[in-house]
């Protein structure tokens, strides 16, 4: 679990980035899941945009996504989700 000070720092870092990845009408395919998993390993912090027509209620989708990726939800704004997962081999963001 991440503390509030680190969460605020991560929100600030995420606000500087554009949305990195998009999940479209096909939903969370195995290809999309693998892409997001690789991105979290490489960057630790990613922004994911979810197609508005795909999910009327994004909260269950967001919780499922974070569970499958073993990532923490840092922030949700509309249909954009910020996820964080510490890389065990290399501390990229140096929190």
Foldseek 3Di string as FASTA:
>chain_A
DDDPVVLVVLVVVVVVDDADEEAEQVGCDPVNLVVVLVCCLVAQKHKYAYDCVNDVDCVVVVVVSCVSSVWDWSDDDPRMTMTGDANPVDGRVVD
